[in-house]
C-alpha atoms as a PDB file:
ATOM      1  CA  MET A   1       1.716   7.713  20.117  1.00  0.00           C
ATOM      2  CA  MET A   2       1.784   8.333  16.363  1.00  0.00           C
ATOM      3  CA  GLN A   3       1.033   4.749  15.283  1.00  0.00           C
ATOM      4  CA  SER A   4      -2.099   4.501  17.454  1.00  0.00           C
ATOM      5  CA  ALA A   5      -3.218   7.912  16.209  1.00  0.00           C
ATOM      6  CA  THR A   6      -2.890   6.666  12.618  1.00  0.00           C
ATOM      7  CA  LEU A   7      -4.986   3.593  13.388  1.00  0.00           C
ATOM      8  CA  LYS A   8      -7.601   5.720  15.138  1.00  0.00           C
ATOM      9  CA  ALA A   9      -7.759   8.173  12.226  1.00  0.00           C
ATOM     10  CA  ARG A  10      -8.444   5.272   9.870  1.00  0.00           C
ATOM     11  CA  SER A  11     -11.150   3.889  12.207  1.00  0.00           C
ATOM     12  CA  LEU A  12      -9.309   0.582  12.464  1.00  0.00           C
ATOM     13  CA  TYR A  13     -10.370  -0.266  15.994  1.00  0.00           C
ATOM     14  CA  THR A  14     -13.099   0.319  18.555  1.00  0.00           C
ATOM     15  CA  PRO A  15     -12.336  -0.024  22.289  1.00  0.00           C
ATOM     16  CA  VAL A  16     -14.809  -2.288  24.096  1.00  0.00           C
ATOM     17  CA  LEU A  17     -14.986  -3.603  27.642  1.00  0.00           C
ATOM     18  CA  ARG A  18     -13.585  -7.108  27.976  1.00  0.00           C
ATOM     19  CA  ALA A  19     -16.534  -8.018  30.207  1.00  0.00           C
ATOM     20  CA  SER A  20     -18.870  -7.627  27.209  1.00  0.00           C
ATOM     21  CA  LEU A  21     -17.134 -10.343  25.171  1.00  0.00           C
ATOM     22  CA  ALA A  22     -18.738 -13.729  24.629  1.00  0.00           C
ATOM     23  CA  ARG A  23     -16.975 -16.896  25.771  1.00  0.00           C
ATOM     24  CA  GLY A  24     -15.873 -17.913  22.285  1.00  0.00           C
ATOM     25  CA  ASP A  25     -14.575 -14.516  21.123  1.00  0.00           C
ATOM     26  CA  THR A  26     -10.964 -14.418  19.927  1.00  0.00           C
ATOM     27  CA  VAL A  27      -8.563 -12.002  21.619  1.00  0.00           C
ATOM     28  CA  PHE A  28      -5.076 -11.594  20.157  1.00  0.00           C
ATOM     29  CA  ALA A  29      -2.008 -10.080  21.726  1.00  0.00           C
ATOM     30  CA  TYR A  30      -0.306  -7.119  20.076  1.00  0.00           C
ATOM     31  CA  LYS A  31       3.271  -6.959  18.825  1.00  0.00           C
ATOM     32  CA  TRP A  32       5.540  -4.061  17.930  1.00  0.00           C
ATOM     33  CA  VAL A  33       7.636  -4.741  14.833  1.00  0.00           C
ATOM     34  CA  ASP A  34      10.742  -2.587  14.516  1.00  0.00           C
ATOM     35  CA  LYS A  35      12.388  -1.776  11.205  1.00  0.00           C
ATOM     36  CA  CYS A  36      15.445   0.238  10.242  1.00  0.00           C
ATOM     37  CA  SER A  37      15.779   1.410   6.636  1.00  0.00           C
ATOM     38  CA  LYS A  38      18.477   3.807   5.468  1.00  0.00           C
ATOM     39  CA  GLY A  39      19.115   4.904   9.041  1.00  0.00           C
ATOM     40  CA  LEU A  40      15.442   5.598   9.741  1.00  0.00           C
ATOM     41  CA  HIS A  41      13.905   3.568  12.570  1.00  0.00           C
ATOM     42  CA  LYS A  42      10.191   2.775  12.506  1.00  0.00           C
ATOM     43  CA  SER A  43       7.897   0.779  14.772  1.00  0.00           C
ATOM     44  CA  ARG A  44       4.672  -0.767  13.522  1.00  0.00           C
ATOM     45  CA  LEU A  45       1.873  -2.006  15.737  1.00  0.00           C
ATOM     46  CA  THR A  46       0.687  -5.418  14.574  1.00  0.00           C
ATOM     47  CA  CYS A  47      -1.744  -8.113  15.619  1.00  0.00           C
ATOM     48  CA  ALA A  48      -0.022 -11.286  16.867  1.00  0.00           C
ATOM     49  CA  ASP A  49      -2.300 -13.490  14.766  1.00  0.00           C
ATOM     50  CA  LEU A  50       0.635 -15.015  12.860  1.00  0.00           C
ATOM     51  CA  LYS A  51       1.823 -16.683  16.084  1.00  0.00           C
ATOM     52  CA  ALA A  52      -1.623 -17.985  16.992  1.00  0.00           C
ATOM     53  CA  LYS A  53      -2.442 -21.686  16.727  1.00  0.00           C
ATOM     54  CA  TYR A  54      -5.111 -22.783  14.264  1.00  0.00           C
ATOM     55  CA  THR A  55      -6.555 -26.197  13.544  1.00  0.00           C
ATOM     56  CA  SER A  56      -6.041 -27.616  10.052  1.00  0.00           C
ATOM     57  CA  GLU A  57      -9.746 -27.015   9.380  1.00  0.00           C
ATOM     58  CA  GLU A  58      -9.472 -23.371  10.441  1.00  0.00           C
ATOM     59  CA  ASN A  59      -6.379 -22.887   8.291  1.00  0.00           C
ATOM     60  CA  HIS A  60      -8.209 -24.369   5.317  1.00  0.00           C
ATOM     61  CA  GLU A  61     -11.053 -21.869   5.713  1.00  0.00           C
ATOM     62  CA  LEU A  62      -8.794 -18.805   5.926  1.00  0.00           C
ATOM     63  CA  ASP A  63      -8.196 -16.758   2.790  1.00  0.00           C
ATOM     64  CA  VAL A  64      -4.526 -15.800   3.029  1.00  0.00           C
ATOM     65  CA  HIS A  65      -3.687 -15.781  -0.678  1.00  0.00           C
ATOM     66  CA  CYS A  66      -1.673 -12.735  -1.756  1.00  0.00           C
ATOM     67  CA  PRO A  67       0.458 -13.738  -4.780  1.00  0.00           C
ATOM     68  CA  THR A  68       3.545 -11.954  -6.057  1.00  0.00           C
ATOM     69  CA  PRO A  69       4.381 -11.454  -9.757  1.00  0.00           C
ATOM     70  CA  LEU A  70       5.966 -14.135 -11.883  1.00  0.00           C
ATOM     71  CA  PRO A  71       9.568 -13.316 -12.887  1.00  0.00           C
ATOM     72  CA  GLU A  72       8.436 -13.364 -16.511  1.00  0.00           C
ATOM     73  CA  SER A  73       5.928 -10.584 -15.808  1.00  0.00           C
ATOM     74  CA  HIS A  74       8.704  -8.185 -14.825  1.00  0.00           C
ATOM     75  CA  GLY A  75      10.484  -8.953 -18.084  1.00  0.00           C
ATOM     76  CA  LEU A  76       7.288  -8.619 -20.100  1.00  0.00           C
ATOM     77  CA  LEU A  77       6.615  -5.167 -18.660  1.00  0.00           C
ATOM     78  CA  GLU A  78      10.081  -4.010 -19.671  1.00  0.00           C
ATOM     79  CA  VAL A  79       9.732  -5.464 -23.175  1.00  0.00           C
ATOM     80  CA  LYS A  80       6.359  -3.755 -23.665  1.00  0.00           C
ATOM     81  CA  ALA A  81       7.869  -0.442 -22.583  1.00  0.00           C
ATOM     82  CA  LEU A  82      10.981  -0.692 -24.744  1.00  0.00           C
ATOM     83  CA  LEU A  83       9.173  -1.820 -27.896  1.00  0.00           C
ATOM     84  CA  ARG A  84       6.825   1.173 -27.679  1.00  0.00           C
ATOM     85  CA  TYR A  85       9.434   3.627 -26.341  1.00  0.00           C
ATOM     86  CA  TRP A  86       7.245   4.146 -23.289  1.00  0.00           C
ATOM     87  CA  PRO A  87       8.550   5.183 -19.864  1.00  0.00           C
ATOM     88  CA  THR A  88       7.976   3.126 -16.750  1.00  0.00           C
ATOM     89  CA  MET A  89       6.874   4.388 -13.354  1.00  0.00           C
ATOM     90  CA  THR A  90       6.937   2.974  -9.832  1.00  0.00           C
ATOM     91  CA  ALA A  91       4.777   3.780  -6.815  1.00  0.00           C
ATOM     92  CA  ASP A  92       4.345   2.539  -3.250  1.00  0.00           C
ATOM     93  CA  VAL A  93       1.087   2.306  -1.332  1.00  0.00           C
ATOM     94  CA  ILE A  94       1.660   3.851   2.100  1.00  0.00           C
ATOM     95  CA  ALA A  95       0.319   1.659   4.938  1.00  0.00           C
ATOM     96  CA  ALA A  96      -1.135  -0.613   2.271  1.00  0.00           C
ATOM     97  CA  PHE A  97      -2.699  -3.291   4.475  1.00  0.00           C
ATOM     98  CA  LEU A  98      -4.673  -0.676   6.406  1.00  0.00           C
ATOM     99  CA  ILE A  99      -7.199  -0.346   3.586  1.00  0.00           C
ATOM    100  CA  GLY A 100     -10.264  -2.535   3.776  1.00  0.00           C
ATOM    101  CA  LEU A 101     -12.136  -4.169   6.655  1.00  0.00           C
ATOM    102  CA  ASP A 102     -10.946  -6.961   8.890  1.00  0.00           C
ATOM    103  CA  CYS A 103     -12.394 -10.163   7.468  1.00  0.00           C
ATOM    104  CA  GLY A 104     -13.944 -11.121  10.816  1.00  0.00           C
ATOM    105  CA  ASP A 105     -15.694  -7.784  11.230  1.00  0.00           C
ATOM    106  CA  ALA A 106     -16.816  -7.775   7.594  1.00  0.00           C
ATOM    107  CA  TYR A 107     -18.606 -11.114   8.071  1.00  0.00           C
ATOM    108  CA  GLY A 108     -20.124 -10.374  11.466  1.00  0.00           C
ATOM    109  CA  SER A 109     -17.592 -12.320  13.564  1.00  0.00           C
ATOM    110  CA  PRO A 110     -15.208  -9.649  14.849  1.00  0.00           C
ATOM    111  CA  VAL A 111     -11.935 -10.467  16.567  1.00  0.00           C
ATOM    112  CA  PHE A 112     -10.270  -8.465  19.313  1.00  0.00           C
ATOM    113  CA  MET A 113      -6.788  -7.420  20.358  1.00  0.00           C
ATOM    114  CA  ARG A 114      -5.298  -6.296  23.637  1.00  0.00           C
ATOM    115  CA  PRO A 115      -4.411  -2.588  23.400  1.00  0.00           C
ATOM    116  CA  PRO A 116      -0.734  -1.613  23.628  1.00  0.00           C
ATOM    117  CA  THR A 117       0.431  -0.200  26.952  1.00  0.00           C
ATOM    118  CA  GLU A 118       1.432   2.990  25.105  1.00  0.00           C
ATOM    119  CA  TRP A 119      -2.211   3.701  24.266  1.00  0.00           C
ATOM    120  CA  SER A 120      -3.661   6.387  26.551  1.00  0.00           C
ATOM    121  CA  ILE A 121      -7.125   5.522  27.805  1.00  0.00           C
ATOM    122  CA  ALA A 122      -7.577   9.023  29.237  1.00  0.00           C
ATOM    123  CA  THR A 123      -6.758  10.720  25.924  1.00  0.00           C
ATOM    124  CA  TRP A 124      -9.170   8.478  24.014  1.00  0.00           C
ATOM    125  CA  LEU A 125     -11.908   8.822  26.630  1.00  0.00           C
ATOM    126  CA  ALA A 126     -11.723  12.630  26.629  1.00  0.00           C
ATOM    127  CA  ASP A 127     -13.087  12.684  23.058  1.00  0.00           C
ATOM    128  CA  GLN A 128     -15.955  10.275  23.734  1.00  0.00           C
ATOM    129  CA  PRO A 129     -19.625  11.111  24.458  1.00  0.00           C
ATOM    130  CA  ALA A 130     -20.875  11.071  28.038  1.00  0.00           C
ATOM    131  CA  PRO A 131     -22.395   7.528  27.943  1.00  0.00           C
ATOM    132  CA  VAL A 132     -19.068   6.047  26.798  1.00  0.00           C
ATOM    133  CA  GLN A 133     -17.137   8.001  29.431  1.00  0.00           C
ATOM    134  CA  THR A 134     -19.485   6.667  32.089  1.00  0.00           C
ATOM    135  CA  ALA A 135     -19.176   3.065  30.888  1.00  0.00           C
ATOM    136  CA  PHE A 136     -15.369   3.163  30.790  1.00  0.00           C
ATOM    137  CA  ARG A 137     -14.800   5.227  33.946  1.00  0.00           C
ATOM    138  CA  GLY A 138     -12.035   3.639  36.026  1.00  0.00           C
ATOM    139  CA  ALA A 139     -11.221   1.026  33.369  1.00  0.00           C
ATOM    140  CA  THR A 140      -7.602  -0.083  32.954  1.00  0.00           C
ATOM    141  CA  HIS A 141      -5.805  -1.743  30.045  1.00  0.00           C
ATOM    142  CA  LYS A 142      -6.759  -5.126  31.505  1.00  0.00           C
ATOM    143  CA  ASP A 143     -10.446  -4.187  31.275  1.00  0.00           C
ATOM    144  CA  ILE A 144     -10.376  -3.078  27.612  1.00  0.00           C
ATOM    145  CA  VAL A 145      -9.794  -4.771  24.265  1.00  0.00           C
ATOM    146  CA  TRP A 146      -9.828  -3.345  20.763  1.00  0.00           C
ATOM    147  CA  ARG A 147     -12.380  -4.678  18.319  1.00  0.00           C
ATOM    148  CA  LEU A 148     -10.541  -4.843  15.001  1.00  0.00           C
ATOM    149  CA  ASP A 149     -12.719  -3.057  12.461  1.00  0.00           C
ATOM    150  CA  GLY A 150     -10.070  -2.383   9.828  1.00  0.00           C
ATOM    151  CA  ASN A 151      -7.369  -4.499   8.237  1.00  0.00           C
ATOM    152  CA  LEU A 152      -4.347  -4.570  10.560  1.00  0.00           C
ATOM    153  CA  TYR A 153      -0.826  -5.793   9.862  1.00  0.00           C
ATOM    154  CA  GLY A 154      -0.153  -9.132  11.498  1.00  0.00           C
ATOM    155  CA  ARG A 155      -3.532 -10.659  10.737  1.00  0.00           C
ATOM    156  CA  ARG A 156      -3.104 -13.795   8.630  1.00  0.00           C
ATOM    157  CA  THR A 157      -5.836 -12.575   6.347  1.00  0.00           C
ATOM    158  CA  ALA A 158      -4.433  -9.024   5.975  1.00  0.00           C
ATOM    159  CA  GLY A 159      -2.706  -9.674   2.647  1.00  0.00           C
ATOM    160  CA  ALA A 160      -5.769 -11.273   1.074  1.00  0.00           C
ATOM    161  CA  VAL A 161      -8.059  -8.483   2.331  1.00  0.00           C
ATOM    162  CA  TYR A 162      -5.699  -5.912   0.820  1.00  0.00           C
ATOM    163  CA  ARG A 163      -5.582  -7.850  -2.465  1.00  0.00           C
ATOM    164  CA  HIS A 164      -9.381  -7.937  -2.745  1.00  0.00           C
ATOM    165  CA  GLU A 165      -9.699  -4.250  -1.855  1.00  0.00           C
ATOM    166  CA  LEU A 166      -7.028  -3.230  -4.355  1.00  0.00           C
ATOM    167  CA  GLU A 167      -8.644  -5.241  -7.131  1.00  0.00           C
ATOM    168  CA  GLU A 168     -11.977  -3.581  -6.360  1.00  0.00           C
ATOM    169  CA  ILE A 169     -10.297  -0.184  -6.762  1.00  0.00           C
ATOM    170  CA  LEU A 170      -8.531  -1.069 -10.012  1.00  0.00           C
ATOM    171  CA  THR A 171     -11.326  -2.916 -11.791  1.00  0.00           C
ATOM    172  CA  ASN A 172     -14.415  -1.102 -10.470  1.00  0.00           C
ATOM    173  CA  ARG A 173     -13.882   2.210  -8.696  1.00  0.00           C
ATOM    174  CA  LEU A 174     -11.501   3.540 -11.352  1.00  0.00           C
ATOM    175  CA  LYS A 175     -14.221   3.119 -13.978  1.00  0.00           C
ATOM    176  CA  ASP A 176     -15.574   6.500 -12.877  1.00  0.00           C
ATOM    177  CA  GLN A 177     -12.292   8.021 -14.093  1.00  0.00           C
ATOM    178  CA  GLY A 178     -12.570   6.219 -17.433  1.00  0.00           C
ATOM    179  CA  TYR A 179     -10.239   3.281 -16.759  1.00  0.00           C
ATOM    180  CA  THR A 180     -11.028  -0.276 -17.831  1.00  0.00           C
ATOM    181  CA  PHE A 181      -8.453  -2.370 -15.980  1.00  0.00           C
ATOM    182  CA  VAL A 182      -8.708  -6.134 -16.335  1.00  0.00           C
ATOM    183  CA  ARG A 183      -6.758  -8.631 -14.245  1.00  0.00           C
ATOM    184  CA  GLY A 184      -4.366 -10.929 -16.079  1.00  0.00           C
ATOM    185  CA  SER A 185      -5.465 -14.535 -16.586  1.00  0.00           C
ATOM    186  CA  LYS A 186      -2.040 -16.169 -16.165  1.00  0.00           C
ATOM    187  CA  ASP A 187      -0.588 -13.794 -13.582  1.00  0.00           C
ATOM    188  CA  PRO A 188      -3.207 -12.276 -11.226  1.00  0.00           C
ATOM    189  CA  THR A 189      -0.818  -9.492 -10.204  1.00  0.00           C
ATOM    190  CA  THR A 190      -0.938  -7.918 -13.676  1.00  0.00           C
ATOM    191  CA  TYR A 191      -3.610  -5.498 -14.899  1.00  0.00           C
ATOM    192  CA  SER A 192      -4.113  -3.968 -18.325  1.00  0.00           C
ATOM    193  CA  CYS A 193      -6.302  -1.066 -19.437  1.00  0.00           C
ATOM    194  CA  GLN A 194      -7.246  -0.841 -23.109  1.00  0.00           C
ATOM    195  CA  THR A 195      -8.518   2.719 -22.684  1.00  0.00           C
ATOM    196  CA  SER A 196      -5.294   4.229 -21.328  1.00  0.00           C
ATOM    197  CA  GLN A 197      -2.956   1.531 -22.772  1.00  0.00           C
ATOM    198  CA  ILE A 198      -1.384   1.143 -19.329  1.00  0.00           C
ATOM    199  CA  TRP A 199       0.041  -2.205 -18.268  1.00  0.00           C
ATOM    200  CA  LEU A 200       0.460  -2.464 -14.496  1.00  0.00           C
ATOM    201  CA  LEU A 201       2.249  -4.907 -12.216  1.00  0.00           C
ATOM    202  CA  ARG A 202       1.483  -5.166  -8.497  1.00  0.00           C
ATOM    203  CA  ARG A 203       3.925  -6.653  -6.009  1.00  0.00           C
ATOM    204  CA  ILE A 204       2.292  -6.509  -2.564  1.00  0.00           C
ATOM    205  CA  ASP A 205       2.277  -2.735  -1.917  1.00  0.00           C
ATOM    206  CA  ASP A 206       4.444  -1.725  -4.890  1.00  0.00           C
ATOM    207  CA  PHE A 207       3.293  -0.787  -8.389  1.00  0.00           C
ATOM    208  CA  ARG A 208       5.329  -0.795 -11.559  1.00  0.00           C
ATOM    209  CA  ALA A 209       3.626   0.328 -14.747  1.00  0.00           C
ATOM    210  CA  THR A 210       4.246   1.313 -18.327  1.00  0.00           C
ATOM    211  CA  GLY A 211       2.200   3.218 -20.871  1.00  0.00           C
ATOM    212  CA  PRO A 212       2.018   6.610 -22.569  1.00  0.00           C
ATOM    213  CA  PRO A 213       3.692   9.179 -20.273  1.00  0.00           C
ATOM    214  CA  GLU A 214       0.625  11.410 -19.902  1.00  0.00           C
ATOM    215  CA  ALA A 215      -1.517   8.406 -18.994  1.00  0.00           C
ATOM    216  CA  LEU A 216       0.962   7.193 -16.354  1.00  0.00           C
ATOM    217  CA  LEU A 217       1.147  10.588 -14.684  1.00  0.00           C
ATOM    218  CA  LYS A 218      -2.639  10.847 -14.631  1.00  0.00           C
ATOM    219  CA  LEU A 219      -3.094   7.340 -13.196  1.00  0.00           C
ATOM    220  CA  PHE A 220      -0.838   7.927 -10.217  1.00  0.00           C
ATOM    221  CA  LYS A 221      -2.188  11.396  -9.415  1.00  0.00           C
ATOM    222  CA  ASP A 222      -5.389  12.512  -7.682  1.00  0.00           C
ATOM    223  CA  GLU A 223      -7.639  11.763 -10.650  1.00  0.00           C
ATOM    224  CA  GLY A 224      -6.501   8.130 -10.626  1.00  0.00           C
ATOM    225  CA  LEU A 225      -5.157   5.783  -7.966  1.00  0.00           C
ATOM    226  CA  ALA A 226      -4.174   8.592  -5.594  1.00  0.00           C
ATOM    227  CA  LYS A 227      -7.882   9.345  -5.201  1.00  0.00           C
ATOM    228  CA  HIS A 228      -8.292   5.977  -3.489  1.00  0.00           C
ATOM    229  CA  LEU A 229      -4.845   5.219  -2.043  1.00  0.00           C
ATOM    230  CA  ASP A 230      -2.126   7.070  -0.157  1.00  0.00           C
ATOM    231  CA  LEU A 231       0.704   6.847  -2.702  1.00  0.00           C
ATOM    232  CA  LYS A 232       4.376   7.653  -2.859  1.00  0.00           C
ATOM    233  CA  ARG A 233       5.287   7.738  -6.547  1.00  0.00           C
ATOM    234  CA  GLY A 234       8.516   8.088  -8.452  1.00  0.00           C
ATOM    235  CA  GLU A 235       9.291  10.026 -11.610  1.00  0.00           C
ATOM    236  CA  LEU A 236       8.869   8.822 -15.181  1.00  0.00           C
ATOM    237  CA  GLU A 237      11.684   6.395 -16.009  1.00  0.00           C
ATOM    238  CA  SER A 238      12.787   6.917 -19.606  1.00  0.00           C
ATOM    239  CA  LEU A 239      15.423   5.092 -21.649  1.00  0.00           C
ATOM    240  CA  GLU A 240      18.914   5.180 -20.128  1.00  0.00           C
ATOM    241  CA  THR A 241      17.374   5.577 -16.663  1.00  0.00           C
ATOM    242  CA  LEU A 242      18.737   3.503 -13.787  1.00  0.00           C
ATOM    243  CA  VAL A 243      15.844   1.677 -12.100  1.00  0.00           C
ATOM    244  CA  GLU A 244      15.586  -0.709  -9.165  1.00  0.00           C
ATOM    245  CA  VAL A 245      13.556  -3.891  -9.613  1.00  0.00           C
ATOM    246  CA  LEU A 246      13.392  -6.617  -6.948  1.00  0.00           C
ATOM    247  CA  GLY A 247      16.356  -5.114  -5.154  1.00  0.00           C
ATOM    248  CA  ARG A 248      18.544  -5.015  -8.261  1.00  0.00           C
ATOM    249  CA  ARG A 249      19.512  -1.863 -10.123  1.00  0.00           C
ATOM    250  CA  LYS A 250      19.193  -1.981 -13.908  1.00  0.00           C
ATOM    251  CA  LEU A 251      19.810   0.466 -16.717  1.00  0.00           C
ATOM    252  CA  ARG A 252      16.783   0.759 -18.997  1.00  0.00           C
ATOM    253  CA  SER A 253      18.122   0.427 -22.535  1.00  0.00           C
ATOM    254  CA  GLU A 254      17.111  -1.173 -25.820  1.00  0.00           C
ATOM    255  CA  GLY A 255      19.851  -3.731 -25.276  1.00  0.00           C
ATOM    256  CA  MET A 256      17.771  -5.282 -22.492  1.00  0.00           C
ATOM    257  CA  ILE A 257      15.483  -6.963 -25.044  1.00  0.00           C
END
């Protein structure tokens, strides 16, 4: 099962015996979310946390904040680009929410999820050391739960975890490559770098940026963001280029100002 293999490769879960759980430990169900885009069908394994019931106090304590850009920020990016005759560039973060640690695991209170029936216990067990094979011998899906180590889609906190992790990459880890990104004060989804002159807009797992062409290409390649994220990037978008923003196609031209 490709999706489970992806999660395993990213060390997002650890199988544990249900009998080892404490009375108050939280165990979520799993849910497959199907999507069809341009004739391509995909299934994503998610945690059914969004359907879980929380008290008002528990909801208040959860960090679920993952803002999207202000409409004015999209316009400001285009104005900056057109006034300086800079290109724009877009990029998508592949499996964006899978970066970072689950907030429960990160703070020493891990949560658990029932494994999907498609997950093969025998295949997983074959790669484990002898003590683990002995402990799990004869176990069925009912006997095992996954401890969520990484950030999984479906967790209420997944968006906020991703936001924090992405900001850490932009404002701290990229310093080693010479970038000095600072988060915007009025719109927290905007970032500017005085060193490279790049102005960047983040909408969940999408980036849109403008700046000198050489700087943009460098940022979205291996010596920049691609060193930390799995990216799918577009080409440089010059004047008279048709671009898609928020589901609408626009022609980049000086008349847009």
